[in-house]
């Protein structure tokens, strides 16, 4: 299966804001972004999307009927949502950084929980007969997936960067996964 993983374009939010699961729009036109992305996708490919506007708006331009799946949503940062990163209590933030996989922000979810739900979605998708699929999702989702596939330890996760509006291609074989490219624009 060919899997095209797309990070939504730049969101309409002040820089330095923790916005995770908050449902914010885009700073750019979704139709323009989708037109550019479409050139990298096979004709008639099924499109799946996070339900958040910043992803869904692009997916709706890529397909007349994208499949919306809540398992593709960004990490829930709980009480940190829509706060500036530098306003979050340092001791709590440091605890998250020290155990980024398992720490749960107050009222939110851990990266491990996000990874589990996203892998469940992909297992279901891989079980379908589709030879290819496009998924419009978030930077955090992409980071935990690629860290999992490439066996990147959590302390090195910040090095995994996914560009706004970038497309990443992964090939799933019967027993292996191959990254074909990252951050294509």
N, C-alpha and C. Protein backbone atom coordinates (compact mmCIF):
# COMPACT_ATOMS: atom_id res chain seq x y z
N UNK A 1 0.84 -1.18 0.00
CA UNK A 1 0.00 0.00 0.00
C UNK A 1 0.88 1.24 0.00
N UNK A 2 0.50 2.21 -0.83
CA UNK A 2 1.16 3.52 -0.82
C UNK A 2 0.36 4.42 0.11
N UNK A 3 1.03 5.01 1.08
CA UNK A 3 0.36 5.90 2.03
C UNK A 3 0.99 7.28 1.93
N UNK A 4 0.15 8.26 1.61
CA UNK A 4 0.58 9.66 1.52
C UNK A 4 0.09 10.37 2.77
N UNK A 5 1.01 10.74 3.63
CA UNK A 5 0.69 11.40 4.89
C UNK A 5 0.95 12.89 4.75
N UNK A 6 -0.09 13.68 4.91
CA UNK A 6 -0.03 15.12 4.67
C UNK A 6 -0.23 15.87 5.99
N UNK A 7 0.68 16.80 6.27
CA UNK A 7 0.46 17.70 7.40
C UNK A 7 -0.33 18.90 6.89
N UNK A 8 -1.31 19.30 7.65
CA UNK A 8 -2.11 20.46 7.28
C UNK A 8 -1.22 21.69 7.05
N UNK A 9 -1.69 22.65 6.25
CA UNK A 9 -0.94 23.90 6.08
C UNK A 9 -0.90 24.71 7.39
N UNK A 10 -0.19 25.80 7.36
CA UNK A 10 0.00 26.62 8.56
C UNK A 10 -1.33 27.06 9.16
N UNK A 11 -1.49 26.86 10.47
CA UNK A 11 -2.74 27.26 11.13
C UNK A 11 -2.77 28.75 11.45
N UNK A 12 -3.95 29.26 11.68
CA UNK A 12 -4.16 30.66 12.02
C UNK A 12 -4.12 30.79 13.54
N UNK A 13 -2.92 30.83 14.07
CA UNK A 13 -2.72 30.88 15.52
C UNK A 13 -1.41 31.63 15.78
N UNK A 14 -1.35 32.42 16.85
CA UNK A 14 -0.10 33.13 17.15
C UNK A 14 1.06 32.15 17.38
N UNK A 15 2.23 32.52 16.87
CA UNK A 15 3.42 31.68 17.06
C UNK A 15 3.67 31.49 18.55
N UNK A 16 4.12 30.30 18.92
CA UNK A 16 4.42 30.00 20.32
C UNK A 16 3.22 29.52 21.11
N UNK A 17 2.11 29.25 20.44
CA UNK A 17 0.88 28.81 21.11
C UNK A 17 0.76 27.29 21.03
N UNK A 18 0.39 26.67 22.13
CA UNK A 18 0.09 25.24 22.17
C UNK A 18 -1.36 25.08 21.72
N UNK A 19 -1.58 24.54 20.54
CA UNK A 19 -2.94 24.48 20.02
C UNK A 19 -3.46 23.06 19.82
N UNK A 20 -2.64 22.04 19.89
CA UNK A 20 -3.06 20.64 19.83
C UNK A 20 -4.41 20.36 19.22
N UNK A 21 -5.35 19.95 20.05
CA UNK A 21 -6.67 19.53 19.59
C UNK A 21 -7.64 20.69 19.38
N UNK A 22 -7.22 21.91 19.68
CA UNK A 22 -8.09 23.07 19.46
C UNK A 22 -8.45 23.16 17.99
N UNK A 23 -9.71 23.47 17.70
CA UNK A 23 -10.20 23.46 16.32
C UNK A 23 -10.06 24.85 15.71
N UNK A 24 -8.89 25.12 15.17
CA UNK A 24 -8.59 26.42 14.57
C UNK A 24 -8.50 26.28 13.06
N UNK A 25 -8.66 27.39 12.37
CA UNK A 25 -8.59 27.39 10.92
C UNK A 25 -7.17 27.54 10.40
N UNK A 26 -7.07 27.78 9.11
CA UNK A 26 -5.78 27.92 8.45
C UNK A 26 -5.43 29.38 8.19
N UNK A 27 -4.14 29.65 8.11
CA UNK A 27 -3.65 30.99 7.76
C UNK A 27 -3.57 31.16 6.24
N UNK A 28 -3.77 30.07 5.51
CA UNK A 28 -3.72 30.08 4.04
C UNK A 28 -5.01 29.48 3.49
N UNK A 29 -5.24 29.66 2.21
CA UNK A 29 -6.43 29.13 1.56
C UNK A 29 -6.30 27.61 1.38
N UNK A 30 -7.26 26.86 1.90
CA UNK A 30 -7.23 25.39 1.82
C UNK A 30 -7.27 24.90 0.37
N UNK A 31 -8.03 25.59 -0.48
CA UNK A 31 -8.13 25.19 -1.88
C UNK A 31 -6.82 25.32 -2.62
N UNK A 32 -6.09 26.38 -2.36
CA UNK A 32 -4.78 26.59 -2.98
C UNK A 32 -3.82 25.49 -2.52
N UNK A 33 -3.82 25.20 -1.22
CA UNK A 33 -2.95 24.15 -0.68
C UNK A 33 -3.30 22.80 -1.29
N UNK A 34 -4.58 22.50 -1.42
CA UNK A 34 -5.02 21.22 -1.97
C UNK A 34 -4.63 21.09 -3.44
N UNK A 35 -4.71 22.16 -4.19
CA UNK A 35 -4.33 22.13 -5.61
C UNK A 35 -2.86 21.74 -5.75
N UNK A 36 -2.02 22.30 -4.90
CA UNK A 36 -0.59 21.96 -4.92
C UNK A 36 -0.37 20.50 -4.50
N UNK A 37 -1.05 20.05 -3.46
CA UNK A 37 -0.89 18.68 -2.96
C UNK A 37 -1.38 17.65 -3.98
N UNK A 38 -2.44 17.97 -4.67
CA UNK A 38 -3.06 17.02 -5.61
C UNK A 38 -2.06 16.55 -6.67
N UNK A 39 -1.09 17.38 -7.02
CA UNK A 39 -0.11 17.00 -8.04
C UNK A 39 0.76 15.81 -7.60
N UNK A 40 0.81 15.53 -6.30
CA UNK A 40 1.61 14.43 -5.76
C UNK A 40 0.80 13.16 -5.51
N UNK A 41 -0.51 13.22 -5.75
CA UNK A 41 -1.38 12.10 -5.40
C UNK A 41 -1.92 11.39 -6.64
N UNK A 42 -2.06 10.07 -6.56
CA UNK A 42 -2.70 9.35 -7.67
C UNK A 42 -4.15 9.81 -7.84
N UNK A 43 -4.62 9.80 -9.06
CA UNK A 43 -6.01 10.17 -9.38
C UNK A 43 -6.98 9.26 -8.64
N UNK A 44 -8.01 9.85 -8.04
CA UNK A 44 -9.07 9.09 -7.39
C UNK A 44 -8.70 8.41 -6.08
N UNK A 45 -7.57 8.79 -5.50
CA UNK A 45 -7.12 8.17 -4.25
C UNK A 45 -8.12 8.46 -3.13
N UNK A 46 -8.41 7.46 -2.26
CA UNK A 46 -9.26 7.76 -1.11
C UNK A 46 -8.53 8.67 -0.14
N UNK A 47 -9.28 9.61 0.44
CA UNK A 47 -8.69 10.60 1.35
C UNK A 47 -9.33 10.44 2.73
N UNK A 48 -8.48 10.41 3.75
CA UNK A 48 -8.89 10.32 5.14
C UNK A 48 -8.39 11.57 5.85
N UNK A 49 -9.12 12.00 6.87
CA UNK A 49 -8.73 13.25 7.52
C UNK A 49 -9.10 13.27 8.99
N UNK A 50 -8.30 14.01 9.73
CA UNK A 50 -8.65 14.42 11.08
C UNK A 50 -9.92 15.27 10.98
N UNK A 51 -10.76 15.25 12.00
CA UNK A 51 -11.97 16.08 11.96
C UNK A 51 -11.72 17.58 12.18
N UNK A 52 -10.52 17.96 12.60
CA UNK A 52 -10.26 19.37 12.86
C UNK A 52 -10.21 20.16 11.56
N UNK A 53 -10.76 21.39 11.61
CA UNK A 53 -10.90 22.23 10.40
C UNK A 53 -9.62 22.38 9.60
N UNK A 54 -8.49 22.52 10.28
CA UNK A 54 -7.25 22.76 9.55
C UNK A 54 -6.87 21.58 8.66
N UNK A 55 -7.36 20.40 8.96
CA UNK A 55 -7.14 19.22 8.10
C UNK A 55 -8.34 18.99 7.19
N UNK A 56 -9.51 19.00 7.78
CA UNK A 56 -10.75 18.69 7.05
C UNK A 56 -10.95 19.61 5.85
N UNK A 57 -10.63 20.89 6.01
CA UNK A 57 -10.83 21.84 4.91
C UNK A 57 -9.97 21.49 3.70
N UNK A 58 -8.76 21.01 3.93
CA UNK A 58 -7.89 20.58 2.83
C UNK A 58 -8.42 19.28 2.23
N UNK A 59 -8.78 18.33 3.08
CA UNK A 59 -9.29 17.04 2.61
C UNK A 59 -10.53 17.21 1.73
N UNK A 60 -11.39 18.15 2.09
CA UNK A 60 -12.62 18.38 1.32
C UNK A 60 -12.32 18.96 -0.06
N UNK A 61 -11.15 19.57 -0.22
CA UNK A 61 -10.73 20.05 -1.54
C UNK A 61 -10.02 18.94 -2.33
N UNK A 62 -9.51 17.95 -1.64
CA UNK A 62 -8.82 16.83 -2.31
C UNK A 62 -9.79 15.75 -2.76
N UNK A 63 -10.93 15.65 -2.09
CA UNK A 63 -11.90 14.59 -2.38
C UNK A 63 -13.31 15.12 -2.15
N UNK A 64 -14.26 14.71 -3.00
CA UNK A 64 -15.64 15.16 -2.78
C UNK A 64 -16.25 14.57 -1.50
N UNK A 65 -15.69 13.46 -1.01
CA UNK A 65 -16.24 12.82 0.19
C UNK A 65 -15.12 12.18 1.00
N UNK A 66 -14.28 12.98 1.66
CA UNK A 66 -13.21 12.38 2.46
C UNK A 66 -13.79 11.64 3.66
N UNK A 67 -13.09 10.63 4.12
CA UNK A 67 -13.48 9.91 5.33
C UNK A 67 -12.86 10.63 6.52
N UNK A 68 -13.70 11.04 7.44
CA UNK A 68 -13.23 11.75 8.63
C UNK A 68 -13.10 10.73 9.77
N UNK A 69 -11.95 10.73 10.42
CA UNK A 69 -11.71 9.75 11.48
C UNK A 69 -11.06 10.45 12.67
N UNK A 70 -11.71 10.38 13.81
CA UNK A 70 -11.24 11.05 15.03
C UNK A 70 -9.90 10.51 15.52
N UNK A 71 -9.51 9.33 15.09
CA UNK A 71 -8.23 8.78 15.52
C UNK A 71 -7.05 9.53 14.91
N UNK A 72 -7.32 10.37 13.92
CA UNK A 72 -6.26 11.14 13.26
C UNK A 72 -6.06 12.53 13.85
N UNK A 73 -6.80 12.86 14.90
CA UNK A 73 -6.73 14.18 15.52
C UNK A 73 -5.39 14.37 16.24
N UNK A 74 -4.99 15.61 16.40
CA UNK A 74 -3.74 15.96 17.08
C UNK A 74 -3.84 15.59 18.56
N UNK A 75 -2.70 15.54 19.21
CA UNK A 75 -2.64 15.24 20.65
C UNK A 75 -3.46 16.27 21.43
N UNK A 76 -4.12 15.77 22.47
CA UNK A 76 -4.91 16.63 23.34
C UNK A 76 -4.01 17.10 24.48
N UNK A 77 -3.76 18.40 24.51
CA UNK A 77 -2.88 18.97 25.52
C UNK A 77 -3.64 19.45 26.76
N UNK A 78 -4.93 19.17 26.85
CA UNK A 78 -5.70 19.49 28.04
C UNK A 78 -5.63 20.96 28.41
N UNK A 79 -5.22 21.23 29.65
CA UNK A 79 -5.16 22.60 30.17
C UNK A 79 -4.15 23.47 29.45
N UNK A 80 -3.27 22.88 28.68
CA UNK A 80 -2.26 23.65 27.95
C UNK A 80 -2.81 24.23 26.65
N UNK A 81 -3.94 23.73 26.18
CA UNK A 81 -4.49 24.17 24.89
C UNK A 81 -4.68 25.68 24.85
N UNK A 82 -4.20 26.28 23.77
CA UNK A 82 -4.33 27.71 23.47
C UNK A 82 -3.59 28.61 24.45
N UNK A 83 -2.66 28.03 25.19
CA UNK A 83 -1.78 28.83 26.04
C UNK A 83 -0.43 28.94 25.34
N UNK A 84 0.28 29.98 25.64
CA UNK A 84 1.64 30.10 25.11
C UNK A 84 2.52 29.06 25.81
N UNK A 85 3.41 28.44 25.05
CA UNK A 85 4.29 27.43 25.62
C UNK A 85 5.08 28.01 26.80
N UNK A 86 5.51 29.27 26.71
CA UNK A 86 6.32 29.87 27.78
C UNK A 86 5.49 30.25 29.00
N UNK A 87 4.17 30.07 28.95
CA UNK A 87 3.30 30.33 30.12
C UNK A 87 3.01 29.06 30.91
N UNK A 88 3.37 27.92 30.37
CA UNK A 88 3.11 26.64 31.05
C UNK A 88 4.13 26.48 32.18
N UNK A 89 3.63 26.07 33.34
CA UNK A 89 4.48 25.91 34.52
C UNK A 89 5.73 25.09 34.17
N UNK A 90 6.89 25.63 34.46
CA UNK A 90 8.15 25.02 34.04
C UNK A 90 8.32 23.60 34.57
N UNK A 91 8.00 23.34 35.81
CA UNK A 91 8.19 22.00 36.38
C UNK A 91 7.32 20.96 35.65
N UNK A 92 6.10 21.34 35.31
CA UNK A 92 5.20 20.43 34.61
C UNK A 92 5.68 20.23 33.17
N UNK A 93 6.08 21.31 32.52
CA UNK A 93 6.60 21.22 31.17
C UNK A 93 7.86 20.35 31.14
N UNK A 94 8.75 20.53 32.10
CA UNK A 94 9.98 19.74 32.18
C UNK A 94 9.67 18.25 32.40
N UNK A 95 8.62 17.95 33.17
CA UNK A 95 8.21 16.56 33.37
C UNK A 95 7.76 15.94 32.05
N UNK A 96 7.07 16.72 31.23
CA UNK A 96 6.64 16.24 29.90
C UNK A 96 7.86 15.97 29.02
N UNK A 97 8.78 16.92 28.99
CA UNK A 97 9.98 16.77 28.17
C UNK A 97 10.79 15.54 28.62
N UNK A 98 10.84 15.27 29.92
CA UNK A 98 11.60 14.15 30.46
C UNK A 98 10.98 12.80 30.07
N UNK A 99 9.68 12.76 29.85
CA UNK A 99 9.01 11.51 29.47
C UNK A 99 7.93 11.82 28.43
N UNK A 100 8.36 12.30 27.29
CA UNK A 100 7.44 12.79 26.26
C UNK A 100 6.49 11.71 25.74
N UNK A 101 6.88 10.46 25.84
CA UNK A 101 6.01 9.37 25.38
C UNK A 101 4.87 9.10 26.35
N UNK A 102 5.14 9.08 27.63
CA UNK A 102 4.15 8.63 28.61
C UNK A 102 3.51 9.71 29.46
N UNK A 103 4.12 10.88 29.56
CA UNK A 103 3.56 11.96 30.39
C UNK A 103 2.24 12.45 29.78
N UNK A 104 1.28 12.67 30.64
CA UNK A 104 -0.02 13.20 30.20
C UNK A 104 -0.18 14.62 30.72
N UNK A 105 -0.26 15.62 29.82
CA UNK A 105 -0.52 16.97 30.29
C UNK A 105 -1.85 17.01 31.07
N UNK A 106 -1.98 17.87 32.06
CA UNK A 106 -3.21 17.92 32.86
C UNK A 106 -4.46 18.02 31.98
N UNK A 107 -5.34 17.02 32.11
CA UNK A 107 -6.59 17.01 31.35
C UNK A 107 -6.44 16.59 29.90
N UNK A 108 -5.26 16.12 29.51
CA UNK A 108 -5.02 15.76 28.11
C UNK A 108 -4.75 14.29 27.91
N UNK A 109 -3.91 13.98 26.94
CA UNK A 109 -3.53 12.60 26.65
C UNK A 109 -2.03 12.53 26.44
N UNK A 110 -1.48 11.34 26.56
CA UNK A 110 -0.05 11.14 26.34
C UNK A 110 0.21 10.85 24.86
N UNK A 111 1.47 10.99 24.47
CA UNK A 111 1.86 10.65 23.10
C UNK A 111 1.64 9.16 22.85
N UNK A 112 1.83 8.33 23.88
CA UNK A 112 1.59 6.89 23.74
C UNK A 112 0.12 6.61 23.41
N UNK A 113 -0.79 7.33 24.03
CA UNK A 113 -2.21 7.17 23.72
C UNK A 113 -2.51 7.61 22.29
N UNK A 114 -1.91 8.72 21.87
CA UNK A 114 -2.11 9.20 20.51
C UNK A 114 -1.56 8.18 19.51
N UNK A 115 -0.39 7.63 19.78
CA UNK A 115 0.20 6.64 18.90
C UNK A 115 -0.69 5.40 18.80
N UNK A 116 -1.22 4.93 19.91
CA UNK A 116 -2.06 3.73 19.90
C UNK A 116 -3.30 3.93 19.03
N UNK A 117 -3.96 5.07 19.15
CA UNK A 117 -5.19 5.27 18.35
C UNK A 117 -4.86 5.45 16.87
N UNK A 118 -3.72 6.08 16.58
CA UNK A 118 -3.33 6.29 15.19
C UNK A 118 -2.91 4.97 14.55
N UNK A 119 -2.17 4.14 15.28
CA UNK A 119 -1.80 2.82 14.75
C UNK A 119 -3.03 1.95 14.52
N UNK A 120 -4.04 2.07 15.39
CA UNK A 120 -5.28 1.31 15.20
C UNK A 120 -5.95 1.72 13.89
N UNK A 121 -5.97 3.02 13.60
CA UNK A 121 -6.52 3.50 12.33
C UNK A 121 -5.75 2.90 11.16
N UNK A 122 -4.40 2.95 11.21
CA UNK A 122 -3.58 2.46 10.11
C UNK A 122 -3.70 0.95 9.93
N UNK A 123 -3.82 0.21 11.02
CA UNK A 123 -4.02 -1.24 10.91
C UNK A 123 -5.32 -1.54 10.16
N UNK A 124 -6.36 -0.80 10.48
CA UNK A 124 -7.64 -0.96 9.80
C UNK A 124 -7.52 -0.58 8.31
N UNK A 125 -6.84 0.51 8.04
CA UNK A 125 -6.66 0.96 6.66
C UNK A 125 -5.85 -0.06 5.86
N UNK A 126 -4.79 -0.57 6.44
CA UNK A 126 -3.96 -1.57 5.75
C UNK A 126 -4.73 -2.86 5.49
N UNK A 127 -5.73 -3.13 6.29
CA UNK A 127 -6.56 -4.32 6.10
C UNK A 127 -7.56 -4.18 4.96
N UNK A 128 -7.71 -2.97 4.45
CA UNK A 128 -8.63 -2.74 3.33
C UNK A 128 -7.94 -3.16 2.02
N UNK A 129 -8.69 -3.14 0.94
CA UNK A 129 -8.14 -3.52 -0.37
C UNK A 129 -7.54 -2.34 -1.12
N UNK A 130 -7.56 -1.16 -0.54
CA UNK A 130 -7.07 0.04 -1.23
C UNK A 130 -5.57 -0.08 -1.48
N UNK A 131 -5.13 0.16 -2.73
CA UNK A 131 -3.69 0.12 -3.01
C UNK A 131 -2.97 1.38 -2.54
N UNK A 132 -3.73 2.45 -2.30
CA UNK A 132 -3.14 3.72 -1.88
C UNK A 132 -4.17 4.50 -1.08
N UNK A 133 -3.68 5.41 -0.25
CA UNK A 133 -4.56 6.29 0.51
C UNK A 133 -3.80 7.56 0.88
N UNK A 134 -4.53 8.65 1.00
CA UNK A 134 -3.98 9.91 1.48
C UNK A 134 -4.59 10.21 2.84
N UNK A 135 -3.77 10.68 3.76
CA UNK A 135 -4.22 10.99 5.12
C UNK A 135 -3.79 12.42 5.44
N UNK A 136 -4.77 13.28 5.75
CA UNK A 136 -4.47 14.65 6.14
C UNK A 136 -4.55 14.71 7.67
N UNK A 137 -3.42 15.02 8.29
CA UNK A 137 -3.36 14.97 9.75
C UNK A 137 -2.43 16.05 10.29
N UNK A 138 -1.83 15.81 11.44
CA UNK A 138 -1.11 16.82 12.21
C UNK A 138 0.35 16.45 12.44
N UNK A 139 1.15 17.45 12.79
CA UNK A 139 2.57 17.24 13.05
C UNK A 139 2.84 16.25 14.17
N UNK A 140 2.07 16.32 15.25
CA UNK A 140 2.28 15.39 16.36
C UNK A 140 2.00 13.95 15.96
N UNK A 141 0.94 13.75 15.19
CA UNK A 141 0.60 12.41 14.71
C UNK A 141 1.74 11.88 13.84
N UNK A 142 2.21 12.70 12.92
CA UNK A 142 3.31 12.28 12.05
C UNK A 142 4.57 11.97 12.86
N UNK A 143 4.85 12.80 13.84
CA UNK A 143 6.05 12.59 14.65
C UNK A 143 6.02 11.25 15.38
N UNK A 144 4.90 10.91 16.03
CA UNK A 144 4.86 9.64 16.76
C UNK A 144 4.87 8.45 15.80
N UNK A 145 4.22 8.57 14.65
CA UNK A 145 4.23 7.46 13.69
C UNK A 145 5.63 7.20 13.15
N UNK A 146 6.28 8.25 12.66
CA UNK A 146 7.62 8.06 12.10
C UNK A 146 8.62 7.65 13.17
N UNK A 147 8.50 8.17 14.38
CA UNK A 147 9.38 7.74 15.47
C UNK A 147 9.18 6.25 15.74
N UNK A 148 7.95 5.80 15.71
CA UNK A 148 7.65 4.39 15.92
C UNK A 148 8.24 3.54 14.79
N UNK A 149 7.96 3.91 13.55
CA UNK A 149 8.44 3.14 12.41
C UNK A 149 9.94 3.12 12.29
N UNK A 150 10.58 4.25 12.57
CA UNK A 150 12.03 4.37 12.40
C UNK A 150 12.79 4.07 13.70
N UNK A 151 12.07 3.72 14.75
CA UNK A 151 12.64 3.39 16.06
C UNK A 151 13.51 4.52 16.62
N UNK A 152 12.97 5.74 16.52
CA UNK A 152 13.65 6.93 17.05
C UNK A 152 13.29 7.05 18.53
N UNK A 153 14.28 7.12 19.41
CA UNK A 153 13.96 7.25 20.84
C UNK A 153 13.31 8.60 21.13
N UNK A 154 12.43 8.66 22.13
CA UNK A 154 11.72 9.91 22.44
C UNK A 154 12.60 11.13 22.62
N UNK A 155 13.79 10.99 23.17
CA UNK A 155 14.67 12.15 23.37
C UNK A 155 15.08 12.78 22.04
N UNK A 156 14.95 12.03 20.95
CA UNK A 156 15.33 12.56 19.63
C UNK A 156 14.12 12.99 18.80
N UNK A 157 12.92 12.86 19.33
CA UNK A 157 11.72 13.23 18.59
C UNK A 157 11.73 14.67 18.08
N UNK A 158 12.25 15.64 18.85
CA UNK A 158 12.25 17.02 18.33
C UNK A 158 12.99 17.17 17.00
N UNK A 159 13.87 16.24 16.68
CA UNK A 159 14.58 16.30 15.40
C UNK A 159 13.70 15.90 14.22
N UNK A 160 12.60 15.22 14.50
CA UNK A 160 11.67 14.82 13.45
C UNK A 160 10.73 16.00 13.17
N UNK A 161 10.94 16.66 12.06
CA UNK A 161 10.11 17.82 11.73
C UNK A 161 9.33 17.55 10.45
N UNK A 162 8.11 18.02 10.46
CA UNK A 162 7.20 17.86 9.32
C UNK A 162 6.66 19.22 8.95
N UNK A 163 6.92 19.62 7.72
CA UNK A 163 6.57 20.94 7.24
C UNK A 163 5.06 21.12 7.11
N UNK A 164 4.57 22.32 7.41
CA UNK A 164 3.17 22.64 7.15
C UNK A 164 2.91 22.46 5.66
N UNK A 165 1.87 21.73 5.33
CA UNK A 165 1.51 21.51 3.94
C UNK A 165 2.43 20.54 3.22
N UNK A 166 3.30 19.85 3.97
CA UNK A 166 4.20 18.87 3.37
C UNK A 166 3.54 17.51 3.23
N UNK A 167 4.06 16.74 2.29
CA UNK A 167 3.53 15.41 2.04
C UNK A 167 4.66 14.40 2.21
N UNK A 168 4.34 13.28 2.84
CA UNK A 168 5.30 12.24 3.16
C UNK A 168 4.76 10.93 2.60
N UNK A 169 5.60 10.15 1.94
CA UNK A 169 5.13 8.91 1.32
C UNK A 169 5.80 7.71 1.97
N UNK A 170 4.95 6.75 2.36
CA UNK A 170 5.41 5.52 2.98
C UNK A 170 4.83 4.35 2.18
N UNK A 171 5.65 3.33 1.98
CA UNK A 171 5.20 2.12 1.29
C UNK A 171 5.13 0.99 2.31
N UNK A 172 3.96 0.38 2.42
CA UNK A 172 3.78 -0.75 3.33
C UNK A 172 3.85 -2.04 2.53
N UNK A 173 4.81 -2.89 2.86
CA UNK A 173 4.89 -4.23 2.29
C UNK A 173 4.17 -5.18 3.23
N UNK A 174 4.28 -6.45 2.95
CA UNK A 174 3.64 -7.44 3.85
C UNK A 174 4.26 -7.43 5.24
N UNK A 175 5.59 -7.27 5.28
CA UNK A 175 6.28 -7.32 6.57
C UNK A 175 7.16 -6.12 6.84
N UNK A 176 7.21 -5.18 5.92
CA UNK A 176 8.11 -4.05 6.12
C UNK A 176 7.43 -2.73 5.74
N UNK A 177 8.08 -1.67 6.17
CA UNK A 177 7.63 -0.31 5.88
C UNK A 177 8.83 0.44 5.33
N UNK A 178 8.63 1.14 4.21
CA UNK A 178 9.72 1.91 3.62
C UNK A 178 9.28 3.36 3.43
N UNK A 179 10.08 4.27 3.93
CA UNK A 179 9.82 5.69 3.75
C UNK A 179 10.38 6.07 2.38
N UNK A 180 9.51 6.54 1.49
CA UNK A 180 9.95 6.94 0.15
C UNK A 180 10.43 8.39 0.12
N UNK A 181 9.69 9.30 0.78
CA UNK A 181 10.15 10.67 0.90
C UNK A 181 9.44 11.37 2.05
N UNK A 182 10.05 12.50 2.47
CA UNK A 182 9.50 13.32 3.56
C UNK A 182 9.42 14.78 3.11
N UNK A 183 8.43 15.47 3.61
CA UNK A 183 8.29 16.93 3.48
C UNK A 183 8.32 17.44 2.05
N UNK A 184 7.75 16.70 1.13
CA UNK A 184 7.68 17.18 -0.25
C UNK A 184 6.64 18.27 -0.33
N UNK A 185 6.95 19.30 -1.09
CA UNK A 185 6.00 20.41 -1.25
C UNK A 185 5.72 20.66 -2.70
